[in-house]
Protein backbone atom coordinates (compact mmCIF):
# COMPACT_ATOMS: atom_id res chain seq x y z
CA UNK A 1 122.95 83.55 160.62
CA UNK A 2 123.53 84.27 164.20
CA UNK A 3 122.03 81.81 167.09
CA UNK A 4 118.01 82.86 167.69
CA UNK A 5 118.58 85.97 165.56
CA UNK A 6 117.42 86.83 163.20
CA UNK A 7 118.98 89.35 160.25
CA UNK A 8 117.15 90.52 157.58
CA UNK A 9 120.56 90.92 155.45
CA UNK A 10 120.60 87.01 154.69
CA UNK A 11 117.05 87.61 152.78
CA UNK A 12 116.99 88.81 149.86
CA UNK A 13 114.68 91.84 150.23
CA UNK A 14 112.68 90.33 147.49
CA UNK A 15 111.83 86.58 149.07
CA UNK A 16 110.91 88.64 151.94
CA UNK A 17 108.71 91.44 149.89
CA UNK A 18 107.30 87.67 148.31
CA UNK A 19 106.60 86.16 152.21
CA UNK A 20 105.05 89.03 153.05
CA UNK A 21 102.87 89.43 150.40
CA UNK A 22 101.77 85.90 150.54
CA UNK A 23 101.20 85.88 153.94
CA UNK A 24 99.18 88.84 154.58
CA UNK A 25 96.29 87.03 152.03
CA UNK A 26 93.32 85.20 153.98
CA UNK A 27 93.78 82.17 154.32
CA UNK A 28 95.68 79.63 156.11
CA UNK A 29 99.63 79.05 155.61
CA UNK A 30 100.36 75.53 155.44
CA UNK A 31 104.70 74.13 155.13
CA UNK A 32 105.36 71.60 152.68
CA UNK A 33 108.75 68.79 153.06
CA UNK A 34 110.37 67.72 149.89
CA UNK A 35 109.16 64.39 151.16
CA UNK A 36 105.22 66.68 149.63
CA UNK A 37 103.57 66.64 153.82
CA UNK A 38 101.73 69.08 154.20
CA UNK A 39 101.14 70.70 157.78
CA UNK A 40 98.59 73.68 159.04
CA UNK A 41 100.60 76.51 160.90
CA UNK A 42 98.36 76.82 163.76
CA UNK A 43 96.47 80.10 164.19
CA UNK A 44 99.44 82.04 167.03
CA UNK A 45 102.07 80.36 164.63
CA UNK A 46 100.91 82.07 161.94
CA UNK A 47 100.62 85.16 163.59
CA UNK A 48 103.79 85.42 165.18
CA UNK A 49 105.42 84.39 161.60
CA UNK A 50 103.48 86.92 160.03
CA UNK A 51 104.96 90.07 162.72
CA UNK A 52 108.11 88.43 161.84
CA UNK A 53 108.48 88.55 158.63
CA UNK A 54 107.31 92.14 158.79
CA UNK A 55 109.28 93.02 160.76
CA UNK A 56 112.66 91.73 158.46
CA UNK A 57 110.91 93.41 155.55
CA UNK A 58 111.22 96.90 157.13
CA UNK A 59 114.57 96.17 157.06
CA UNK A 60 114.44 94.87 161.27
CA UNK A 61 116.04 92.38 162.80
CA UNK A 62 114.62 89.32 164.89
CA UNK A 63 115.83 88.32 168.45
CA UNK A 64 114.82 85.46 169.40
CA UNK A 65 114.62 85.30 173.60
CA UNK A 66 112.99 81.93 175.20
CA UNK A 67 111.51 82.84 178.57
CA UNK A 68 113.71 80.95 180.76
CA UNK A 69 117.11 82.56 178.91
CA UNK A 70 118.85 84.13 181.57
CA UNK A 71 120.49 87.77 181.92
CA UNK A 72 123.22 89.14 183.08
CA UNK A 73 121.86 92.16 185.04
CA UNK A 74 123.98 94.64 183.08
CA UNK A 75 122.08 93.20 180.15
CA UNK A 76 118.74 93.15 182.30
CA UNK A 77 119.10 97.25 183.00
CA UNK A 78 119.77 97.88 179.64
CA UNK A 79 116.62 95.80 178.49
CA UNK A 80 114.26 97.59 181.06
CA UNK A 81 115.67 101.61 180.24
CA UNK A 82 117.69 101.66 183.87
CA UNK A 83 120.71 101.96 185.26
CA UNK A 84 122.27 98.14 187.05
CA UNK A 85 122.71 99.99 189.64
CA UNK A 86 118.67 100.93 189.93
CA UNK A 87 117.97 97.23 188.74
CA UNK A 88 120.02 95.81 191.30
CA UNK A 89 118.43 97.17 193.70
CA UNK A 90 114.80 95.44 192.97
CA UNK A 91 117.37 92.62 193.02
CA UNK A 92 117.75 92.74 196.15
CA UNK A 93 114.41 94.55 197.37
CA UNK A 94 112.71 91.22 195.50
CA UNK A 95 111.34 93.45 193.51
CA UNK A 96 112.74 90.55 190.79
CA UNK A 97 113.65 86.94 190.70
CA UNK A 98 116.92 85.94 190.09
CA UNK A 99 119.80 83.16 191.44
CA UNK A 100 123.64 83.84 191.64
CA UNK A 101 125.65 81.72 189.36
CA UNK A 102 129.55 81.96 191.01
CA UNK A 103 128.57 85.52 192.79
CA UNK A 104 126.86 86.92 189.31
CA UNK A 105 123.11 87.52 189.91
CA UNK A 106 120.98 86.71 186.22
CA UNK A 107 117.62 87.49 185.93
CA UNK A 108 114.75 84.86 184.40
CA UNK A 109 113.71 86.69 180.57
CA UNK A 110 110.63 85.77 182.26
CA UNK A 111 110.76 88.36 184.94
CA UNK A 112 112.08 90.70 183.02
CA UNK A 113 108.76 91.45 180.98
CA UNK A 114 106.56 90.41 183.90
CA UNK A 115 108.57 92.73 186.22
CA UNK A 116 107.85 95.22 182.65
CA UNK A 117 104.27 94.94 182.02
CA UNK A 118 103.89 95.66 185.99
CA UNK A 119 104.90 99.14 186.02
CA UNK A 120 103.60 99.49 182.83
CA UNK A 121 99.67 98.86 184.34
CA UNK A 122 101.61 101.20 187.23
CA UNK A 123 102.62 104.25 185.66
CA UNK A 124 99.41 103.90 183.12
CA UNK A 125 97.51 103.97 185.83
CA UNK A 126 99.67 106.87 187.11
CA UNK A 127 98.97 108.76 184.51
CA UNK A 128 94.90 108.19 184.29
CA UNK A 129 94.78 109.92 188.53
CA UNK A 130 96.68 112.57 187.61
CA UNK A 131 94.46 113.23 185.08
CA UNK A 132 91.66 112.63 186.67
CA UNK A 133 93.32 114.66 188.80
CA UNK A 134 93.16 117.36 186.67
CA UNK A 135 90.03 116.62 185.54
CA UNK A 136 88.14 116.96 188.71
CA UNK A 137 90.29 120.70 190.04
CA UNK A 138 89.36 122.42 187.33
CA UNK A 139 91.96 123.00 185.38
CA UNK A 140 91.70 121.09 182.64
CA UNK A 141 91.19 123.37 179.39
CA UNK A 142 89.25 121.44 176.60
CA UNK A 143 89.03 125.00 174.30
CA UNK A 144 92.95 125.11 174.55
CA UNK A 145 94.92 124.17 171.19
CA UNK A 146 97.80 125.69 172.26
CA UNK A 147 97.86 128.32 169.71
CA UNK A 148 99.43 130.94 171.71
CA UNK A 149 99.37 133.70 168.72
CA UNK A 150 95.88 134.24 170.23
């Protein structure tokens, strides 16, 4: 198994199915070691485990990334779905914090997530404002079904 990468191909589908079924049942899950010591999983950790097992049962690979992991500008741009040049502009404008390793910029994952949340909130607000403006202008026809054959 690759570091920080959980590939469903590494686990038999039957095992993932059994785990998924077990985690879907109400109640707490506990870990038991070879010596018989038992520890209940805290709720937050349990919820993450459920999500990981669900994704893997759907044959999706899961990658765990610590918040302080740093990305190259290309990896950060890929994560955000923007060009590297656009990302560098955001970095240089101070929109997203970064540090340099030699002459190369590095961006912490937590800063990418913070920017992504702010960007998504701004987009939602802009769409909401656009919808309100269309409503106020009387341009929204609630009876329109999209069928132009009428």
